[in-house]
N, C-alpha and C. Protein backbone atom coordinates (compact mmCIF):
# COMPACT_ATOMS: atom_id res chain seq x y z
N MET A 1 -138.94 -87.85 -122.13
CA MET A 1 -137.75 -87.46 -121.40
C MET A 1 -137.70 -85.94 -121.33
N LEU A 2 -137.41 -85.41 -120.16
CA LEU A 2 -137.33 -83.96 -119.99
C LEU A 2 -135.96 -83.45 -120.40
N PRO A 3 -135.92 -82.24 -120.89
CA PRO A 3 -134.62 -81.64 -121.24
C PRO A 3 -133.77 -81.45 -119.97
N PRO A 4 -132.45 -81.49 -120.11
CA PRO A 4 -131.57 -81.38 -118.94
C PRO A 4 -131.77 -80.09 -118.12
N PHE A 5 -132.06 -78.96 -118.80
CA PHE A 5 -132.22 -77.73 -118.03
C PHE A 5 -133.48 -77.77 -117.15
N ILE A 6 -134.52 -78.48 -117.58
CA ILE A 6 -135.73 -78.63 -116.77
C ILE A 6 -135.41 -79.48 -115.54
N ILE A 7 -134.67 -80.55 -115.73
CA ILE A 7 -134.29 -81.42 -114.62
C ILE A 7 -133.45 -80.64 -113.61
N GLU A 8 -132.53 -79.80 -114.12
CA GLU A 8 -131.69 -78.99 -113.24
C GLU A 8 -132.53 -77.99 -112.45
N GLN A 9 -133.54 -77.41 -113.06
CA GLN A 9 -134.42 -76.47 -112.37
C GLN A 9 -135.21 -77.17 -111.27
N ILE A 10 -135.68 -78.37 -111.55
CA ILE A 10 -136.42 -79.14 -110.54
C ILE A 10 -135.52 -79.45 -109.36
N ARG A 11 -134.30 -79.90 -109.62
CA ARG A 11 -133.35 -80.19 -108.54
C ARG A 11 -133.04 -78.95 -107.72
N LYS A 12 -132.88 -77.82 -108.40
CA LYS A 12 -132.59 -76.56 -107.70
C LYS A 12 -133.74 -76.18 -106.78
N ARG A 13 -134.96 -76.27 -107.28
CA ARG A 13 -136.13 -75.94 -106.46
C ARG A 13 -136.27 -76.87 -105.26
N GLU A 14 -136.01 -78.17 -105.48
CA GLU A 14 -136.08 -79.13 -104.38
C GLU A 14 -135.04 -78.81 -103.31
N SER A 15 -133.82 -78.47 -103.72
CA SER A 15 -132.78 -78.16 -102.73
C SER A 15 -133.10 -76.88 -101.97
N GLU A 16 -133.68 -75.87 -102.67
CA GLU A 16 -134.10 -74.65 -101.99
C GLU A 16 -135.21 -74.93 -100.99
N GLU A 17 -136.14 -75.78 -101.37
CA GLU A 17 -137.25 -76.14 -100.48
C GLU A 17 -136.72 -76.86 -99.24
N ASN A 18 -135.79 -77.78 -99.42
CA ASN A 18 -135.21 -78.50 -98.29
C ASN A 18 -134.44 -77.55 -97.38
N ALA A 19 -133.74 -76.57 -97.96
CA ALA A 19 -132.97 -75.62 -97.16
C ALA A 19 -133.90 -74.75 -96.32
N ARG A 20 -135.07 -74.43 -96.83
CA ARG A 20 -136.02 -73.61 -96.06
C ARG A 20 -136.57 -74.36 -94.86
N HIS A 21 -136.77 -75.67 -95.00
CA HIS A 21 -137.37 -76.45 -93.92
C HIS A 21 -136.34 -77.01 -92.95
N GLU A 22 -135.09 -76.91 -93.29
CA GLU A 22 -134.05 -77.45 -92.43
C GLU A 22 -133.84 -76.52 -91.24
N GLN A 23 -133.85 -77.09 -90.04
CA GLN A 23 -133.67 -76.30 -88.83
C GLN A 23 -132.20 -76.29 -88.43
N PRO A 24 -131.74 -75.17 -87.89
CA PRO A 24 -130.34 -75.13 -87.44
C PRO A 24 -130.12 -76.07 -86.27
N ARG A 25 -128.92 -76.61 -86.19
CA ARG A 25 -128.59 -77.54 -85.11
C ARG A 25 -127.41 -77.01 -84.34
N LEU A 26 -127.44 -77.25 -83.05
CA LEU A 26 -126.35 -76.85 -82.18
C LEU A 26 -125.95 -78.04 -81.35
N GLU A 27 -124.69 -78.43 -81.44
CA GLU A 27 -124.21 -79.54 -80.63
C GLU A 27 -123.66 -79.00 -79.32
N LEU A 28 -124.15 -79.56 -78.23
CA LEU A 28 -123.73 -79.12 -76.91
C LEU A 28 -122.53 -79.94 -76.45
N PRO A 29 -121.56 -79.28 -75.84
CA PRO A 29 -120.44 -80.05 -75.28
C PRO A 29 -120.91 -80.78 -74.03
N LEU A 30 -120.83 -82.08 -74.04
CA LEU A 30 -121.28 -82.88 -72.90
C LEU A 30 -120.08 -83.24 -72.04
N PRO A 31 -120.25 -83.17 -70.72
CA PRO A 31 -119.13 -83.55 -69.85
C PRO A 31 -118.84 -85.04 -69.98
N ARG A 32 -117.59 -85.38 -69.89
CA ARG A 32 -117.21 -86.79 -69.99
C ARG A 32 -117.55 -87.48 -68.67
N ALA A 33 -117.96 -88.73 -68.78
CA ALA A 33 -118.31 -89.51 -67.59
C ALA A 33 -117.03 -89.82 -66.82
N PRO A 34 -117.07 -89.68 -65.50
CA PRO A 34 -115.87 -89.98 -64.71
C PRO A 34 -115.55 -91.48 -64.76
N ARG A 35 -114.28 -91.79 -64.79
CA ARG A 35 -113.87 -93.20 -64.83
C ARG A 35 -113.98 -93.81 -63.44
N GLU A 36 -114.14 -95.10 -63.43
CA GLU A 36 -114.20 -95.80 -62.16
C GLU A 36 -112.81 -95.80 -61.52
N ARG A 37 -112.76 -96.06 -60.23
CA ARG A 37 -111.48 -96.01 -59.52
C ARG A 37 -110.50 -97.07 -60.02
N GLY A 38 -111.01 -98.19 -60.47
CA GLY A 38 -110.14 -99.26 -60.95
C GLY A 38 -109.48 -98.92 -62.27
N GLY A 39 -109.99 -97.91 -62.95
CA GLY A 39 -109.41 -97.52 -64.22
C GLY A 39 -109.93 -98.32 -65.39
N GLU A 40 -110.63 -99.41 -65.14
CA GLU A 40 -111.18 -100.22 -66.22
C GLU A 40 -112.70 -100.15 -66.20
N ARG A 41 -113.24 -100.27 -67.37
CA ARG A 41 -114.70 -100.32 -67.45
C ARG A 41 -115.13 -101.77 -67.27
N PRO A 42 -116.33 -101.99 -66.75
CA PRO A 42 -116.80 -103.38 -66.63
C PRO A 42 -116.95 -104.01 -68.00
N ARG A 43 -116.69 -105.29 -68.07
CA ARG A 43 -116.76 -106.00 -69.36
C ARG A 43 -118.21 -106.11 -69.80
N GLU A 44 -118.43 -105.84 -71.05
CA GLU A 44 -119.78 -105.90 -71.61
C GLU A 44 -120.14 -107.30 -72.09
N ASP A 45 -119.13 -108.15 -72.28
CA ASP A 45 -119.41 -109.45 -72.87
C ASP A 45 -119.70 -110.53 -71.84
N GLY A 46 -119.85 -110.15 -70.57
CA GLY A 46 -120.13 -111.12 -69.53
C GLY A 46 -121.54 -111.66 -69.63
N GLU A 47 -121.84 -112.68 -68.83
CA GLU A 47 -123.18 -113.26 -68.85
C GLU A 47 -124.17 -112.27 -68.25
N ARG A 48 -125.35 -112.29 -68.78
CA ARG A 48 -126.39 -111.41 -68.27
C ARG A 48 -127.52 -112.28 -67.73
N GLY A 49 -128.14 -111.81 -66.67
CA GLY A 49 -129.23 -112.56 -66.07
C GLY A 49 -130.54 -112.31 -66.80
N VAL A 50 -131.44 -113.25 -66.67
CA VAL A 50 -132.76 -113.14 -67.27
C VAL A 50 -133.77 -113.37 -66.19
N ILE A 51 -134.77 -112.51 -66.12
CA ILE A 51 -135.84 -112.65 -65.14
C ILE A 51 -137.14 -112.78 -65.92
N ILE A 52 -137.91 -113.81 -65.58
CA ILE A 52 -139.20 -114.02 -66.23
C ILE A 52 -140.27 -113.78 -65.18
N LEU A 53 -141.14 -112.81 -65.45
CA LEU A 53 -142.24 -112.51 -64.54
C LEU A 53 -143.55 -112.93 -65.19
N GLU A 54 -144.35 -113.62 -64.41
CA GLU A 54 -145.65 -114.04 -64.93
C GLU A 54 -146.71 -113.24 -64.20
N LEU A 55 -147.40 -112.40 -64.93
CA LEU A 55 -148.44 -111.57 -64.35
C LEU A 55 -149.79 -112.25 -64.55
N LEU A 56 -150.52 -112.40 -63.46
CA LEU A 56 -151.83 -113.06 -63.57
C LEU A 56 -152.94 -112.06 -63.41
């Protein structure tokens, strides 16, 4: 078993290493999608069609 101060040093080095490799991130403001004229979105729970294509 390693002494607690050794474990703390290992954790510190790992966090410093991760911080060096971490790239900065920038979130862009995205425009909101315009709503449909009816004011409602189409229902997602409706039946969906299935197409089977046979390629020869």
